[in-house]
Amino acid sequence: MRLFALPVTLIVIAVLIYLLVLLARGAKPASGRDAAGAPRWETDTVMENGWTLIVIRKVAHGRNGPVELSRQTVRAIKDDDPNWDELYRQGMLEARNRVSTLEIESG
């Protein structure tokens, strides 16, 4: 029994030291690090001056909220365009495809 007590004691001490180091650093859980970690691409719609802009944005989530790092306009649609619905659906499809491509390339 003594043969197993020493390794078990050392493992317990190592785990406790590891936890103390994490607490001293103020570590967040893994899910918190992922949420505030790497920037990601997302789709967005902006309406301004009679136009609907379908854009994709590269956003990083920081301590003070989201920060836009980059923006690309995918499509601009005049608000009074008779085909607005169809153009919007096509634009959003294109934006989602572009986001998928950019996420794959950056990953």
PDB file of N, CA and C in Angstrom:
ATOM      1  N   MET A   1       0.810  -1.186   0.000  1.00  0.00           N
ATOM      2  CA  MET A   1       0.000   0.000   0.000  1.00  0.00           C
ATOM      3  C   MET A   1       0.856   1.253   0.000  1.00  0.00           C
ATOM      4  N   ARG A   2       1.965   1.235   0.738  1.00  0.00           N
ATOM      5  CA  ARG A   2       2.835   2.404   0.783  1.00  0.00           C
ATOM      6  C   ARG A   2       3.399   2.735  -0.590  1.00  0.00           C
ATOM      7  N   LEU A   3       3.573   1.712  -1.401  1.00  0.00           N
ATOM      8  CA  LEU A   3       4.111   1.899  -2.741  1.00  0.00           C
ATOM      9  C   LEU A   3       3.179   2.770  -3.587  1.00  0.00           C
ATOM     10  N   PHE A   4       1.872   2.634  -3.415  1.00  0.00           N
ATOM     11  CA  PHE A   4       0.899   3.415  -4.174  1.00  0.00           C
ATOM     12  C   PHE A   4       0.589   4.756  -3.516  1.00  0.00           C
ATOM     13  N   ALA A   5       0.801   4.887  -2.237  1.00  0.00           N
ATOM     14  CA  ALA A   5       0.480   6.119  -1.521  1.00  0.00           C
ATOM     15  C   ALA A   5       1.354   7.280  -1.969  1.00  0.00           C
ATOM     16  N   LEU A   6       2.626   7.042  -2.195  1.00  0.00           N
ATOM     17  CA  LEU A   6       3.533   8.118  -2.595  1.00  0.00           C
ATOM     18  C   LEU A   6       3.172   8.693  -3.974  1.00  0.00           C
ATOM     19  N   PRO A   7       2.969   7.881  -5.015  1.00  0.00           N
ATOM     20  CA  PRO A   7       2.582   8.454  -6.309  1.00  0.00           C
ATOM     21  C   PRO A   7       1.236   9.174  -6.262  1.00  0.00           C
ATOM     22  N   VAL A   8       0.275   8.614  -5.536  1.00  0.00           N
ATOM     23  CA  VAL A   8      -1.034   9.259  -5.427  1.00  0.00           C
ATOM     24  C   VAL A   8      -0.898  10.603  -4.730  1.00  0.00           C
ATOM     25  N   THR A   9      -0.113  10.679  -3.688  1.00  0.00           N
ATOM     26  CA  THR A   9       0.121  11.936  -2.967  1.00  0.00           C
ATOM     27  C   THR A   9       0.783  12.956  -3.881  1.00  0.00           C
ATOM     28  N   LEU A  10       1.758  12.542  -4.655  1.00  0.00           N
ATOM     29  CA  LEU A  10       2.432  13.460  -5.584  1.00  0.00           C
ATOM     30  C   LEU A  10       1.482  13.976  -6.658  1.00  0.00           C
ATOM     31  N   ILE A  11       0.618  13.113  -7.149  1.00  0.00           N
ATOM     32  CA  ILE A  11      -0.361  13.536  -8.161  1.00  0.00           C
ATOM     33  C   ILE A  11      -1.330  14.548  -7.571  1.00  0.00           C
ATOM     34  N   VAL A  12      -1.807  14.304  -6.375  1.00  0.00           N
ATOM     35  CA  VAL A  12      -2.734  15.234  -5.716  1.00  0.00           C
ATOM     36  C   VAL A  12      -2.056  16.580  -5.495  1.00  0.00           C
ATOM     37  N   ILE A  13      -0.820  16.585  -5.051  1.00  0.00           N
ATOM     38  CA  ILE A  13      -0.082  17.841  -4.839  1.00  0.00           C
ATOM     39  C   ILE A  13       0.104  18.566  -6.165  1.00  0.00           C
ATOM     40  N   ALA A  14       0.431  17.854  -7.244  1.00  0.00           N
ATOM     41  CA  ALA A  14       0.616  18.476  -8.566  1.00  0.00           C
ATOM     42  C   ALA A  14      -0.681  19.114  -9.055  1.00  0.00           C
ATOM     43  N   VAL A  15      -1.802  18.433  -8.860  1.00  0.00           N
ATOM     44  CA  VAL A  15      -3.099  18.984  -9.273  1.00  0.00           C
ATOM     45  C   VAL A  15      -3.426  20.241  -8.476  1.00  0.00           C
ATOM     46  N   LEU A  16      -3.172  20.214  -7.190  1.00  0.00           N
ATOM     47  CA  LEU A  16      -3.426  21.394  -6.364  1.00  0.00           C
ATOM     48  C   LEU A  16      -2.556  22.578  -6.784  1.00  0.00           C
ATOM     49  N   ILE A  17      -1.293  22.328  -7.083  1.00  0.00           N
ATOM     50  CA  ILE A  17      -0.408  23.405  -7.542  1.00  0.00           C
ATOM     51  C   ILE A  17      -0.904  23.958  -8.870  1.00  0.00           C
ATOM     52  N   TYR A  18      -1.329  23.090  -9.781  1.00  0.00           N
ATOM     53  CA  TYR A  18      -1.850  23.522 -11.071  1.00  0.00           C
ATOM     54  C   TYR A  18      -3.080  24.410 -10.886  1.00  0.00           C
ATOM     55  N   LEU A  19      -4.000  24.002 -10.008  1.00  0.00           N
ATOM     56  CA  LEU A  19      -5.199  24.801  -9.751  1.00  0.00           C
ATOM     57  C   LEU A  19      -4.857  26.147  -9.130  1.00  0.00           C
ATOM     58  N   LEU A  20      -3.879  26.177  -8.244  1.00  0.00           N
ATOM     59  CA  LEU A  20      -3.454  27.441  -7.646  1.00  0.00           C
ATOM     60  C   LEU A  20      -2.856  28.375  -8.693  1.00  0.00           C
ATOM     61  N   VAL A  21      -2.092  27.830  -9.625  1.00  0.00           N
ATOM     62  CA  VAL A  21      -1.528  28.655 -10.698  1.00  0.00           C
ATOM     63  C   VAL A  21      -2.640  29.223 -11.564  1.00  0.00           C
ATOM     64  N   LEU A  22      -3.644  28.410 -11.893  1.00  0.00           N
ATOM     65  CA  LEU A  22      -4.777  28.904 -12.683  1.00  0.00           C
ATOM     66  C   LEU A  22      -5.519  30.012 -11.954  1.00  0.00           C
ATOM     67  N   LEU A  23      -5.742  29.848 -10.676  1.00  0.00           N
ATOM     68  CA  LEU A  23      -6.422  30.879  -9.896  1.00  0.00           C
ATOM     69  C   LEU A  23      -5.599  32.159  -9.822  1.00  0.00           C
ATOM     70  N   ALA A  24      -4.300  32.034  -9.684  1.00  0.00           N
ATOM     71  CA  ALA A  24      -3.435  33.204  -9.609  1.00  0.00           C
ATOM     72  C   ALA A  24      -3.442  33.989 -10.915  1.00  0.00           C
ATOM     73  N   ARG A  25      -3.547  33.288 -12.035  1.00  0.00           N
ATOM     74  CA  ARG A  25      -3.589  33.950 -13.342  1.00  0.00           C
ATOM     75  C   ARG A  25      -4.964  34.514 -13.660  1.00  0.00           C
ATOM     76  N   GLY A  26      -5.967  34.123 -12.936  1.00  0.00           N
ATOM     77  CA  GLY A  26      -7.329  34.573 -13.231  1.00  0.00           C
ATOM     78  C   GLY A  26      -7.863  33.924 -14.482  1.00  0.00           C
ATOM     79  N   ALA A  27      -7.563  32.668 -14.692  1.00  0.00           N
ATOM     80  CA  ALA A  27      -7.957  31.958 -15.901  1.00  0.00           C
ATOM     81  C   ALA A  27      -9.465  31.839 -15.995  1.00  0.00           C
ATOM     82  N   LYS A  28      -9.961  31.918 -17.227  1.00  0.00           N
ATOM     83  CA  LYS A  28     -11.376  31.737 -17.501  1.00  0.00           C
ATOM     84  C   LYS A  28     -11.600  30.307 -17.939  1.00  0.00           C
ATOM     85  N   PRO A  29     -12.826  29.830 -17.837  1.00  0.00           N
ATOM     86  CA  PRO A  29     -13.116  28.507 -18.386  1.00  0.00           C
ATOM     87  C   PRO A  29     -12.870  28.489 -19.889  1.00  0.00           C
ATOM     88  N   ALA A  30     -12.684  27.312 -20.450  1.00  0.00           N
ATOM     89  CA  ALA A  30     -12.373  27.193 -21.883  1.00  0.00           C
ATOM     90  C   ALA A  30     -13.431  27.860 -22.748  1.00  0.00           C
ATOM     91  N   SER A  31     -14.705  27.731 -22.389  1.00  0.00           N
ATOM     92  CA  SER A  31     -15.751  28.333 -23.204  1.00  0.00           C
ATOM     93  C   SER A  31     -15.651  29.852 -23.187  1.00  0.00           C
ATOM     94  N   GLY A  32     -15.251  30.454 -22.084  1.00  0.00           N
ATOM     95  CA  GLY A  32     -15.070  31.900 -22.013  1.00  0.00           C
ATOM     96  C   GLY A  32     -13.934  32.376 -22.888  1.00  0.00           C
ATOM     97  N   ARG A  33     -12.857  31.587 -22.918  1.00  0.00           N
ATOM     98  CA  ARG A  33     -11.729  31.955 -23.782  1.00  0.00           C
ATOM     99  C   ARG A  33     -12.131  31.882 -25.240  1.00  0.00           C
ATOM    100  N   ASP A  34     -12.912  30.875 -25.624  1.00  0.00           N
ATOM    101  CA  ASP A  34     -13.329  30.740 -27.015  1.00  0.00           C
ATOM    102  C   ASP A  34     -14.240  31.893 -27.419  1.00  0.00           C
ATOM    103  N   ALA A  35     -15.146  32.293 -26.535  1.00  0.00           N
ATOM    104  CA  ALA A  35     -16.081  33.360 -26.875  1.00  0.00           C
ATOM    105  C   ALA A  35     -15.365  34.688 -27.057  1.00  0.00           C
ATOM    106  N   ALA A  36     -14.357  34.938 -26.256  1.00  0.00           N
ATOM    107  CA  ALA A  36     -13.652  36.215 -26.349  1.00  0.00           C
ATOM    108  C   ALA A  36     -12.357  36.081 -27.139  1.00  0.00           C
ATOM    109  N   GLY A  37     -12.149  34.946 -27.761  1.00  0.00           N
ATOM    110  CA  GLY A  37     -10.884  34.667 -28.416  1.00  0.00           C
ATOM    111  C   GLY A  37     -10.765  35.231 -29.812  1.00  0.00           C
ATOM    112  N   ALA A  38     -10.543  34.366 -30.758  1.00  0.00           N
ATOM    113  CA  ALA A  38     -10.227  34.747 -32.125  1.00  0.00           C
ATOM    114  C   ALA A  38     -11.389  35.479 -32.791  1.00  0.00           C
ATOM    115  N   PRO A  39     -11.054  36.426 -33.650  1.00  0.00           N
ATOM    116  CA  PRO A  39     -12.118  37.121 -34.385  1.00  0.00           C
ATOM    117  C   PRO A  39     -12.823  36.173 -35.350  1.00  0.00           C
ATOM    118  N   ARG A  40     -14.057  36.493 -35.677  1.00  0.00           N
ATOM    119  CA  ARG A  40     -14.809  35.657 -36.607  1.00  0.00           C
ATOM    120  C   ARG A  40     -15.593  36.532 -37.568  1.00  0.00           C
ATOM    121  N   TRP A  41     -15.963  35.962 -38.694  1.00  0.00           N
ATOM    122  CA  TRP A  41     -16.744  36.655 -39.711  1.00  0.00           C
ATOM    123  C   TRP A  41     -18.222  36.425 -39.449  1.00  0.00           C
ATOM    124  N   GLU A  42     -19.048  37.458 -39.691  1.00  0.00           N
ATOM    125  CA  GLU A  42     -20.488  37.320 -39.533  1.00  0.00           C
ATOM    126  C   GLU A  42     -21.200  38.203 -40.552  1.00  0.00           C
ATOM    127  N   THR A  43     -22.429  37.825 -40.887  1.00  0.00           N
ATOM    128  CA  THR A  43     -23.221  38.615 -41.830  1.00  0.00           C
ATOM    129  C   THR A  43     -23.964  39.702 -41.073  1.00  0.00           C
ATOM    130  N   ASP A  44     -24.302  40.773 -41.791  1.00  0.00           N
ATOM    131  CA  ASP A  44     -25.033  41.875 -41.178  1.00  0.00           C
ATOM    132  C   ASP A  44     -25.791  42.613 -42.277  1.00  0.00           C
ATOM    133  N   THR A  45     -26.820  43.331 -41.892  1.00  0.00           N
ATOM    134  CA  THR A  45     -27.586  44.168 -42.799  1.00  0.00           C
ATOM    135  C   THR A  45     -27.574  45.583 -42.251  1.00  0.00           C
ATOM    136  N   VAL A  46     -27.236  46.537 -43.120  1.00  0.00           N
ATOM    137  CA  VAL A  46     -27.204  47.940 -42.731  1.00  0.00           C
ATOM    138  C   VAL A  46     -28.155  48.706 -43.651  1.00  0.00           C
ATOM    139  N   MET A  47     -29.012  49.519 -43.072  1.00  0.00           N
ATOM    140  CA  MET A  47     -29.944  50.325 -43.861  1.00  0.00           C
ATOM    141  C   MET A  47     -29.596  51.787 -43.672  1.00  0.00           C
ATOM    142  N   GLU A  48     -29.264  52.446 -44.792  1.00  0.00           N
ATOM    143  CA  GLU A  48     -28.897  53.860 -44.703  1.00  0.00           C
ATOM    144  C   GLU A  48     -29.183  54.569 -46.015  1.00  0.00           C
ATOM    145  N   ASN A  49     -29.731  55.752 -45.925  1.00  0.00           N
ATOM    146  CA  ASN A  49     -29.973  56.642 -47.066  1.00  0.00           C
ATOM    147  C   ASN A  49     -30.725  55.972 -48.217  1.00  0.00           C
ATOM    148  N   GLY A  50     -31.731  55.194 -47.908  1.00  0.00           N
ATOM    149  CA  GLY A  50     -32.537  54.563 -48.946  1.00  0.00           C
ATOM    150  C   GLY A  50     -31.926  53.316 -49.556  1.00  0.00           C
ATOM    151  N   TRP A  51     -30.880  52.808 -48.969  1.00  0.00           N
ATOM    152  CA  TRP A  51     -30.209  51.603 -49.456  1.00  0.00           C
ATOM    153  C   TRP A  51     -30.151  50.556 -48.357  1.00  0.00           C
ATOM    154  N   THR A  52     -30.235  49.296 -48.759  1.00  0.00           N
ATOM    155  CA  THR A  52     -30.001  48.181 -47.852  1.00  0.00           C
ATOM    156  C   THR A  52     -28.662  47.573 -48.253  1.00  0.00           C
ATOM    157  N   LEU A  53     -27.725  47.569 -47.325  1.00  0.00           N
ATOM    158  CA  LEU A  53     -26.401  47.015 -47.583  1.00  0.00           C
ATOM    159  C   LEU A  53     -26.276  45.678 -46.877  1.00  0.00           C
ATOM    160  N   ILE A  54     -25.911  44.663 -47.626  1.00  0.00           N
ATOM    161  CA  ILE A  54     -25.613  43.362 -47.038  1.00  0.00           C
ATOM    162  C   ILE A  54     -24.106  43.305 -46.918  1.00  0.00           C
ATOM    163  N   VAL A  55     -23.634  43.168 -45.689  1.00  0.00           N
ATOM    164  CA  VAL A  55     -22.199  43.218 -45.431  1.00  0.00           C
ATOM    165  C   VAL A  55     -21.771  41.996 -44.634  1.00  0.00           C
ATOM    166  N   ILE A  56     -20.471  41.721 -44.708  1.00  0.00           N
ATOM    167  CA  ILE A  56     -19.878  40.758 -43.789  1.00  0.00           C
ATOM    168  C   ILE A  56     -18.835  41.525 -42.988  1.00  0.00           C
ATOM    169  N   ARG A  57     -18.750  41.184 -41.717  1.00  0.00           N
ATOM    170  CA  ARG A  57     -17.833  41.892 -40.823  1.00  0.00           C
ATOM    171  C   ARG A  57     -16.959  40.888 -40.096  1.00  0.00           C
ATOM    172  N   LYS A  58     -15.703  41.258 -39.911  1.00  0.00           N
ATOM    173  CA  LYS A  58     -14.809  40.475 -39.059  1.00  0.00           C
ATOM    174  C   LYS A  58     -14.854  41.133 -37.686  1.00  0.00           C
ATOM    175  N   VAL A  59     -15.312  40.373 -36.695  1.00  0.00           N
ATOM    176  CA  VAL A  59     -15.577  40.934 -35.376  1.00  0.00           C
ATOM    177  C   VAL A  59     -14.796  40.162 -34.322  1.00  0.00           C
ATOM    178  N   ALA A  60     -14.177  40.904 -33.426  1.00  0.00           N
ATOM    179  CA  ALA A  60     -13.533  40.316 -32.250  1.00  0.00           C
ATOM    180  C   ALA A  60     -14.309  40.792 -31.033  1.00  0.00           C
ATOM    181  N   HIS A  61     -14.514  39.889 -30.105  1.00  0.00           N
ATOM    182  CA  HIS A  61     -15.240  40.249 -28.889  1.00  0.00           C
ATOM    183  C   HIS A  61     -14.226  40.538 -27.788  1.00  0.00           C
ATOM    184  N   GLY A  62     -14.175  41.799 -27.376  1.00  0.00           N
ATOM    185  CA  GLY A  62     -13.239  42.216 -26.344  1.00  0.00           C
ATOM    186  C   GLY A  62     -13.944  42.492 -25.037  1.00  0.00           C
ATOM    187  N   ARG A  63     -13.222  43.070 -24.118  1.00  0.00           N
ATOM    188  CA  ARG A  63     -13.782  43.365 -22.783  1.00  0.00           C
ATOM    189  C   ARG A  63     -14.904  44.385 -22.851  1.00  0.00           C
ATOM    190  N   ASN A  64     -14.826  45.323 -23.800  1.00  0.00           N
ATOM    191  CA  ASN A  64     -15.835  46.379 -23.912  1.00  0.00           C
ATOM    192  C   ASN A  64     -16.869  46.084 -24.987  1.00  0.00           C
ATOM    193  N   GLY A  65     -17.008  44.828 -25.366  1.00  0.00           N
ATOM    194  CA  GLY A  65     -17.981  44.447 -26.380  1.00  0.00           C
ATOM    195  C   GLY A  65     -17.320  44.136 -27.709  1.00  0.00           C
ATOM    196  N   PRO A  66     -18.135  43.924 -28.742  1.00  0.00           N
ATOM    197  CA  PRO A  66     -17.581  43.559 -30.046  1.00  0.00           C
ATOM    198  C   PRO A  66     -16.849  44.727 -30.715  1.00  0.00           C
ATOM    199  N   VAL A  67     -15.767  44.395 -31.418  1.00  0.00           N
ATOM    200  CA  VAL A  67     -14.976  45.386 -32.146  1.00  0.00           C
ATOM    201  C   VAL A  67     -14.908  44.939 -33.600  1.00  0.00           C
ATOM    202  N   GLU A  68     -15.334  45.811 -34.512  1.00  0.00           N
ATOM    203  CA  GLU A  68     -15.296  45.488 -35.934  1.00  0.00           C
ATOM    204  C   GLU A  68     -13.884  45.723 -36.465  1.00  0.00           C
ATOM    205  N   LEU A  69     -13.291  44.676 -37.016  1.00  0.00           N
ATOM    206  CA  LEU A  69     -11.931  44.753 -37.543  1.00  0.00           C
ATOM    207  C   LEU A  69     -11.915  45.004 -39.043  1.00  0.00           C
ATOM    208  N   SER A  70     -12.924  44.500 -39.736  1.00  0.00           N
ATOM    209  CA  SER A  70     -12.969  44.620 -41.189  1.00  0.00           C
ATOM    210  C   SER A  70     -14.418  44.510 -41.638  1.00  0.00           C
ATOM    211  N   ARG A  71     -14.710  45.116 -42.803  1.00  0.00           N
ATOM    212  CA  ARG A  71     -16.069  45.058 -43.348  1.00  0.00           C
ATOM    213  C   ARG A  71     -15.992  44.987 -44.860  1.00  0.00           C
ATOM    214  N   GLN A  72     -16.832  44.138 -45.438  1.00  0.00           N
ATOM    215  CA  GLN A  72     -16.946  44.030 -46.887  1.00  0.00           C
ATOM    216  C   GLN A  72     -18.420  44.122 -47.253  1.00  0.00           C
ATOM    217  N   THR A  73     -18.736  44.962 -48.225  1.00  0.00           N
ATOM    218  CA  THR A  73     -20.104  45.052 -48.712  1.00  0.00           C
ATOM    219  C   THR A  73     -20.306  43.997 -49.785  1.00  0.00           C
ATOM    220  N   VAL A  74     -21.293  43.139 -49.584  1.00  0.00           N
ATOM    221  CA  VAL A  74     -21.584  42.064 -50.527  1.00  0.00           C
ATOM    222  C   VAL A  74     -22.549  42.564 -51.598  1.00  0.00           C
ATOM    223  N   ARG A  75     -23.586  43.291 -51.170  1.00  0.00           N
ATOM    224  CA  ARG A  75     -24.574  43.781 -52.118  1.00  0.00           C
ATOM    225  C   ARG A  75     -25.254  45.021 -51.558  1.00  0.00           C
ATOM    226  N   ALA A  76     -25.558  45.967 -52.461  1.00  0.00           N
ATOM    227  CA  ALA A  76     -26.324  47.169 -52.111  1.00  0.00           C
ATOM    228  C   ALA A  76     -27.626  47.138 -52.899  1.00  0.00           C
ATOM    229  N   ILE A  77     -28.752  47.255 -52.193  1.00  0.00           N
ATOM    230  CA  ILE A  77     -30.064  47.165 -52.828  1.00  0.00           C
ATOM    231  C   ILE A  77     -30.832  48.446 -52.522  1.00  0.00           C
ATOM    232  N   LYS A  78     -31.333  49.093 -53.559  1.00  0.00           N
ATOM    233  CA  LYS A  78     -32.159  50.283 -53.378  1.00  0.00           C
ATOM    234  C   LYS A  78     -33.445  49.861 -52.670  1.00  0.00           C
ATOM    235  N   ASP A  79     -33.853  50.609 -51.647  1.00  0.00           N
ATOM    236  CA  ASP A  79     -35.013  50.219 -50.846  1.00  0.00           C
ATOM    237  C   ASP A  79     -36.309  50.135 -51.651  1.00  0.00           C
ATOM    238  N   ASP A  80     -36.430  50.912 -52.715  1.00  0.00           N
ATOM    239  CA  ASP A  80     -37.664  50.884 -53.500  1.00  0.00           C
ATOM    240  C   ASP A  80     -37.577  49.962 -54.719  1.00  0.00           C
ATOM    241  N   ASP A  81     -36.566  49.115 -54.781  1.00  0.00           N
ATOM    242  CA  ASP A  81     -36.415  48.170 -55.887  1.00  0.00           C
ATOM    243  C   ASP A  81     -37.568  47.165 -55.838  1.00  0.00           C
ATOM    244  N   PRO A  82     -38.269  46.951 -56.969  1.00  0.00           N
ATOM    245  CA  PRO A  82     -39.403  46.013 -56.952  1.00  0.00           C
ATOM    246  C   PRO A  82     -38.985  44.565 -56.675  1.00  0.00           C
ATOM    247  N   ASN A  83     -37.742  44.216 -56.919  1.00  0.00           N
ATOM    248  CA  ASN A  83     -37.243  42.859 -56.664  1.00  0.00           C
ATOM    249  C   ASN A  83     -36.434  42.781 -55.365  1.00  0.00           C
ATOM    250  N   TRP A  84     -36.719  43.664 -54.422  1.00  0.00           N
ATOM    251  CA  TRP A  84     -35.925  43.763 -53.199  1.00  0.00           C
ATOM    252  C   TRP A  84     -35.833  42.418 -52.468  1.00  0.00           C
ATOM    253  N   ASP A  85     -36.975  41.737 -52.305  1.00  0.00           N
ATOM    254  CA  ASP A  85     -36.984  40.470 -51.557  1.00  0.00           C
ATOM    255  C   ASP A  85     -36.045  39.438 -52.177  1.00  0.00           C
ATOM    256  N   GLU A  86     -36.164  39.258 -53.477  1.00  0.00           N
ATOM    257  CA  GLU A  86     -35.321  38.273 -54.160  1.00  0.00           C
ATOM    258  C   GLU A  86     -33.851  38.680 -54.107  1.00  0.00           C
ATOM    259  N   LEU A  87     -33.564  39.957 -54.333  1.00  0.00           N
ATOM    260  CA  LEU A  87     -32.179  40.431 -54.277  1.00  0.00           C
ATOM    261  C   LEU A  87     -31.596  40.275 -52.871  1.00  0.00           C
ATOM    262  N   TYR A  88     -32.441  40.517 -51.858  1.00  0.00           N
ATOM    263  CA  TYR A  88     -31.976  40.372 -50.470  1.00  0.00           C
ATOM    264  C   TYR A  88     -31.629  38.916 -50.172  1.00  0.00           C
ATOM    265  N   ARG A  89     -32.519  37.989 -50.572  1.00  0.00           N
ATOM    266  CA  ARG A  89     -32.243  36.568 -50.345  1.00  0.00           C
ATOM    267  C   ARG A  89     -30.965  36.133 -51.058  1.00  0.00           C
ATOM    268  N   GLN A  90     -30.787  36.560 -52.299  1.00  0.00           N
ATOM    269  CA  GLN A  90     -29.579  36.214 -53.044  1.00  0.00           C
ATOM    270  C   GLN A  90     -28.338  36.806 -52.367  1.00  0.00           C
ATOM    271  N   GLY A  91     -28.448  38.051 -51.925  1.00  0.00           N
ATOM    272  CA  GLY A  91     -27.324  38.712 -51.262  1.00  0.00           C
ATOM    273  C   GLY A  91     -26.941  38.031 -49.959  1.00  0.00           C
ATOM    274  N   MET A  92     -27.940  37.627 -49.167  1.00  0.00           N
ATOM    275  CA  MET A  92     -27.649  36.942 -47.911  1.00  0.00           C
ATOM    276  C   MET A  92     -27.023  35.578 -48.159  1.00  0.00           C
ATOM    277  N   LEU A  93     -27.482  34.883 -49.201  1.00  0.00           N
ATOM    278  CA  LEU A  93     -26.892  33.601 -49.552  1.00  0.00           C
ATOM    279  C   LEU A  93     -25.423  33.786 -49.939  1.00  0.00           C
ATOM    280  N   GLU A  94     -25.161  34.802 -50.750  1.00  0.00           N
ATOM    281  CA  GLU A  94     -23.778  35.094 -51.135  1.00  0.00           C
ATOM    282  C   GLU A  94     -22.931  35.469 -49.922  1.00  0.00           C
ATOM    283  N   ALA A  95     -23.499  36.266 -49.006  1.00  0.00           N
ATOM    284  CA  ALA A  95     -22.769  36.677 -47.806  1.00  0.00           C
ATOM    285  C   ALA A  95     -22.435  35.473 -46.927  1.00  0.00           C
ATOM    286  N   ARG A  96     -23.391  34.574 -46.749  1.00  0.00           N
ATOM    287  CA  ARG A  96     -23.134  33.383 -45.928  1.00  0.00           C
ATOM    288  C   ARG A  96     -22.073  32.489 -46.562  1.00  0.00           C
ATOM    289  N   ASN A  97     -22.125  32.364 -47.889  1.00  0.00           N
ATOM    290  CA  ASN A  97     -21.100  31.577 -48.578  1.00  0.00           C
ATOM    291  C   ASN A  97     -19.718  32.202 -48.413  1.00  0.00           C
ATOM    292  N   ARG A  98     -19.658  33.525 -48.499  1.00  0.00           N
ATOM    293  CA  ARG A  98     -18.372  34.208 -48.345  1.00  0.00           C
ATOM    294  C   ARG A  98     -17.844  34.053 -46.924  1.00  0.00           C
ATOM    295  N   VAL A  99     -18.734  34.158 -45.926  1.00  0.00           N
ATOM    296  CA  VAL A  99     -18.324  33.968 -44.530  1.00  0.00           C
ATOM    297  C   VAL A  99     -17.765  32.557 -44.338  1.00  0.00           C
ATOM    298  N   SER A 100     -18.443  31.555 -44.903  1.00  0.00           N
ATOM    299  CA  SER A 100     -17.962  30.172 -44.789  1.00  0.00           C
ATOM    300  C   SER A 100     -16.574  30.028 -45.395  1.00  0.00           C
ATOM    301  N   THR A 101     -16.378  30.616 -46.566  1.00  0.00           N
ATOM    302  CA  THR A 101     -15.083  30.535 -47.224  1.00  0.00           C
ATOM    303  C   THR A 101     -14.006  31.223 -46.404  1.00  0.00           C
ATOM    304  N   LEU A 102     -14.289  32.410 -45.884  1.00  0.00           N
ATOM    305  CA  LEU A 102     -13.291  33.137 -45.093  1.00  0.00           C
ATOM    306  C   LEU A 102     -12.979  32.422 -43.787  1.00  0.00           C
ATOM    307  N   GLU A 103     -13.975  31.822 -43.156  1.00  0.00           N
ATOM    308  CA  GLU A 103     -13.732  31.078 -41.916  1.00  0.00           C
ATOM    309  C   GLU A 103     -12.857  29.855 -42.175  1.00  0.00           C
ATOM    310  N   ILE A 104     -13.112  29.174 -43.292  1.00  0.00           N
ATOM    311  CA  ILE A 104     -12.293  28.003 -43.628  1.00  0.00           C
ATOM    312  C   ILE A 104     -10.854  28.424 -43.902  1.00  0.00           C
ATOM    313  N   GLU A 105     -10.678  29.525 -44.636  1.00  0.00           N
ATOM    314  CA  GLU A 105      -9.332  29.981 -44.966  1.00  0.00           C
ATOM    315  C   GLU A 105      -8.561  30.462 -43.743  1.00  0.00           C
ATOM    316  N   SER A 106      -9.265  31.047 -42.777  1.00  0.00           N
ATOM    317  CA  SER A 106      -8.563  31.572 -41.604  1.00  0.00           C
ATOM    318  C   SER A 106      -8.346  30.494 -40.547  1.00  0.00           C
ATOM    319  N   GLY A 107      -9.025  29.373 -40.664  1.00  0.00           N
ATOM    320  CA  GLY A 107      -8.927  28.304 -39.655  1.00  0.00           C
ATOM    321  C   GLY A 107      -7.832  27.364 -39.906  1.00  0.00           C
TER     322      GLY A 107
END
